[in-house]
Amino acid sequence: MKQTPPQSVRRAKHLCMATCEVCENEYDKAFEVVIGGEHHTFDSFECAIHALAPVCAHCNCRIVGHGVEADGQIFCCVHCARKSGKTQLKDRV
């Protein structure tokens, strides 16, 4: 199929802009994250975190760092894990 070039610079810019799946912003510097073969498009790390970061089982915050896991649950920190009864976890000493 032969494609014809856009008639204006504005139209060309529109064709190159991706839409964030969280905020629906159209942005020329959007990026794609692939997880398990599933593609996601975002305009910022904030939107990517909102959509993809796990949630602490105790305080419900988004876990941006490594977090900790116990018995199939993930927590943002050892404090939250302990508050949920996972006493075997320890912070680095």
C-alpha atoms as a PDB file:
ATOM      1  CA  MET A   1       0.000   0.000   0.000  1.00  0.00           C
ATOM      2  CA  LYS A   2       1.450   3.351  -1.024  1.00  0.00           C
ATOM      3  CA  GLN A   3       1.318   6.091   1.608  1.00  0.00           C
ATOM      4  CA  THR A   4       1.160   9.725   0.660  1.00  0.00           C
ATOM      5  CA  PRO A   5       3.081  12.232   2.751  1.00  0.00           C
ATOM      6  CA  PRO A   6       1.103  14.484   5.108  1.00  0.00           C
ATOM      7  CA  GLN A   7      -0.106  17.744   3.633  1.00  0.00           C
ATOM      8  CA  SER A   8       1.126  19.866   6.507  1.00  0.00           C
ATOM      9  CA  VAL A   9       3.665  19.877   9.333  1.00  0.00           C
ATOM     10  CA  ARG A  10       0.813  19.807  11.834  1.00  0.00           C
ATOM     11  CA  ARG A  11      -0.587  16.620  10.297  1.00  0.00           C
ATOM     12  CA  ALA A  12       2.876  15.012  10.289  1.00  0.00           C
ATOM     13  CA  LYS A  13       3.302  15.825  13.981  1.00  0.00           C
ATOM     14  CA  HIS A  14      -0.091  14.281  14.765  1.00  0.00           C
ATOM     15  CA  LEU A  15       0.853  11.031  13.024  1.00  0.00           C
ATOM     16  CA  CYS A  16       3.996  10.648  15.166  1.00  0.00           C
ATOM     17  CA  MET A  17       2.375  11.187  18.549  1.00  0.00           C
ATOM     18  CA  ALA A  18       1.494   8.269  20.802  1.00  0.00           C
ATOM     19  CA  THR A  19      -1.301   8.342  23.371  1.00  0.00           C
ATOM     20  CA  CYS A  20      -0.690   7.508  27.028  1.00  0.00           C
ATOM     21  CA  GLU A  21      -2.925   4.668  28.178  1.00  0.00           C
ATOM     22  CA  VAL A  22      -3.394   6.242  31.629  1.00  0.00           C
ATOM     23  CA  CYS A  23      -4.009   9.958  31.055  1.00  0.00           C
ATOM     24  CA  GLU A  24      -4.697   9.818  27.288  1.00  0.00           C
ATOM     25  CA  ASN A  25      -2.226  12.627  26.644  1.00  0.00           C
ATOM     26  CA  GLU A  26      -0.817  12.655  23.120  1.00  0.00           C
ATOM     27  CA  TYR A  27       2.939  13.110  23.373  1.00  0.00           C
ATOM     28  CA  ASP A  28       5.784  12.937  20.879  1.00  0.00           C
ATOM     29  CA  LYS A  29       8.178  11.557  23.519  1.00  0.00           C
ATOM     30  CA  ALA A  30       5.931   8.759  24.786  1.00  0.00           C
ATOM     31  CA  PHE A  31       7.574   5.420  25.514  1.00  0.00           C
ATOM     32  CA  GLU A  32       6.540   1.802  25.465  1.00  0.00           C
ATOM     33  CA  VAL A  33       6.934  -0.822  28.192  1.00  0.00           C
ATOM     34  CA  VAL A  34       6.590  -4.509  27.345  1.00  0.00           C
ATOM     35  CA  ILE A  35       5.752  -6.924  30.171  1.00  0.00           C
ATOM     36  CA  GLY A  36       5.097 -10.564  29.410  1.00  0.00           C
ATOM     37  CA  GLY A  37       4.536  -9.722  25.747  1.00  0.00           C
ATOM     38  CA  GLU A  38       1.912  -7.088  26.597  1.00  0.00           C
ATOM     39  CA  HIS A  39       2.681  -3.592  25.260  1.00  0.00           C
ATOM     40  CA  HIS A  40       1.909  -0.428  27.246  1.00  0.00           C
ATOM     41  CA  THR A  41       2.371   3.193  26.128  1.00  0.00           C
ATOM     42  CA  PHE A  42       2.970   6.052  28.580  1.00  0.00           C
ATOM     43  CA  ASP A  43       3.902   9.717  28.434  1.00  0.00           C
ATOM     44  CA  SER A  44       5.626   9.760  31.845  1.00  0.00           C
ATOM     45  CA  PHE A  45       7.102   7.513  34.504  1.00  0.00           C
ATOM     46  CA  GLU A  46       4.315   8.714  36.790  1.00  0.00           C
ATOM     47  CA  CYS A  47       1.684   7.150  34.523  1.00  0.00           C
ATOM     48  CA  ALA A  48       3.748   3.970  34.081  1.00  0.00           C
ATOM     49  CA  ILE A  49       4.064   3.598  37.859  1.00  0.00           C
ATOM     50  CA  HIS A  50       0.350   4.207  38.316  1.00  0.00           C
ATOM     51  CA  ALA A  51      -0.496   1.457  35.827  1.00  0.00           C
ATOM     52  CA  LEU A  52       2.217  -1.132  36.464  1.00  0.00           C
ATOM     53  CA  ALA A  53       3.783  -0.839  39.921  1.00  0.00           C
ATOM     54  CA  PRO A  54       2.638  -3.355  42.513  1.00  0.00           C
ATOM     55  CA  VAL A  55       0.666  -2.135  45.540  1.00  0.00           C
ATOM     56  CA  CYS A  56       1.750  -2.696  49.149  1.00  0.00           C
ATOM     57  CA  ALA A  57      -0.519  -5.273  50.799  1.00  0.00           C
ATOM     58  CA  HIS A  58      -0.553  -3.215  54.019  1.00  0.00           C
ATOM     59  CA  CYS A  59      -0.597   0.521  53.211  1.00  0.00           C
ATOM     60  CA  ASN A  60      -1.697   0.365  49.539  1.00  0.00           C
ATOM     61  CA  CYS A  61       1.092   2.644  48.271  1.00  0.00           C
ATOM     62  CA  ARG A  62       2.670   1.974  44.871  1.00  0.00           C
ATOM     63  CA  ILE A  63       5.984   0.150  45.231  1.00  0.00           C
ATOM     64  CA  VAL A  64       8.549   1.944  43.102  1.00  0.00           C
ATOM     65  CA  GLY A  65      11.630   0.334  44.656  1.00  0.00           C
ATOM     66  CA  HIS A  66      12.388  -3.316  45.253  1.00  0.00           C
ATOM     67  CA  GLY A  67       9.854  -3.890  48.058  1.00  0.00           C
ATOM     68  CA  VAL A  68       9.811  -7.115  50.072  1.00  0.00           C
ATOM     69  CA  GLU A  69       7.814 -10.309  49.575  1.00  0.00           C
ATOM     70  CA  ALA A  70       6.456 -12.865  52.031  1.00  0.00           C
ATOM     71  CA  ASP A  71       3.988 -15.696  51.446  1.00  0.00           C
ATOM     72  CA  GLY A  72       3.031 -14.392  48.009  1.00  0.00           C
ATOM     73  CA  GLN A  73       2.361 -10.847  49.224  1.00  0.00           C
ATOM     74  CA  ILE A  74       4.468  -7.804  48.382  1.00  0.00           C
ATOM     75  CA  PHE A  75       5.088  -4.911  50.754  1.00  0.00           C
ATOM     76  CA  CYS A  76       6.792  -1.554  50.310  1.00  0.00           C
ATOM     77  CA  CYS A  77       8.964  -2.128  53.404  1.00  0.00           C
ATOM     78  CA  VAL A  78       9.634  -4.514  56.275  1.00  0.00           C
ATOM     79  CA  HIS A  79       7.603  -2.298  58.626  1.00  0.00           C
ATOM     80  CA  CYS A  80       4.441  -2.893  56.560  1.00  0.00           C
ATOM     81  CA  ALA A  81       5.209  -6.608  56.304  1.00  0.00           C
ATOM     82  CA  ARG A  82       5.545  -6.850  60.087  1.00  0.00           C
ATOM     83  CA  LYS A  83       2.308  -4.915  60.615  1.00  0.00           C
ATOM     84  CA  SER A  84       0.667  -7.592  58.444  1.00  0.00           C
ATOM     85  CA  GLY A  85       2.113 -10.409  60.573  1.00  0.00           C
ATOM     86  CA  LYS A  86       5.087 -11.309  58.377  1.00  0.00           C
ATOM     87  CA  THR A  87       7.641 -11.203  61.211  1.00  0.00           C
ATOM     88  CA  GLN A  88      10.331 -13.328  59.519  1.00  0.00           C
ATOM     89  CA  LEU A  89      11.459 -10.446  57.253  1.00  0.00           C
ATOM     90  CA  LYS A  90      14.348  -8.228  58.324  1.00  0.00           C
ATOM     91  CA  ASP A  91      15.826  -4.985  57.073  1.00  0.00           C
ATOM     92  CA  ARG A  92      19.490  -5.003  56.058  1.00  0.00           C
ATOM     93  CA  VAL A  93      21.775  -4.439  58.993  1.00  0.00           C
END
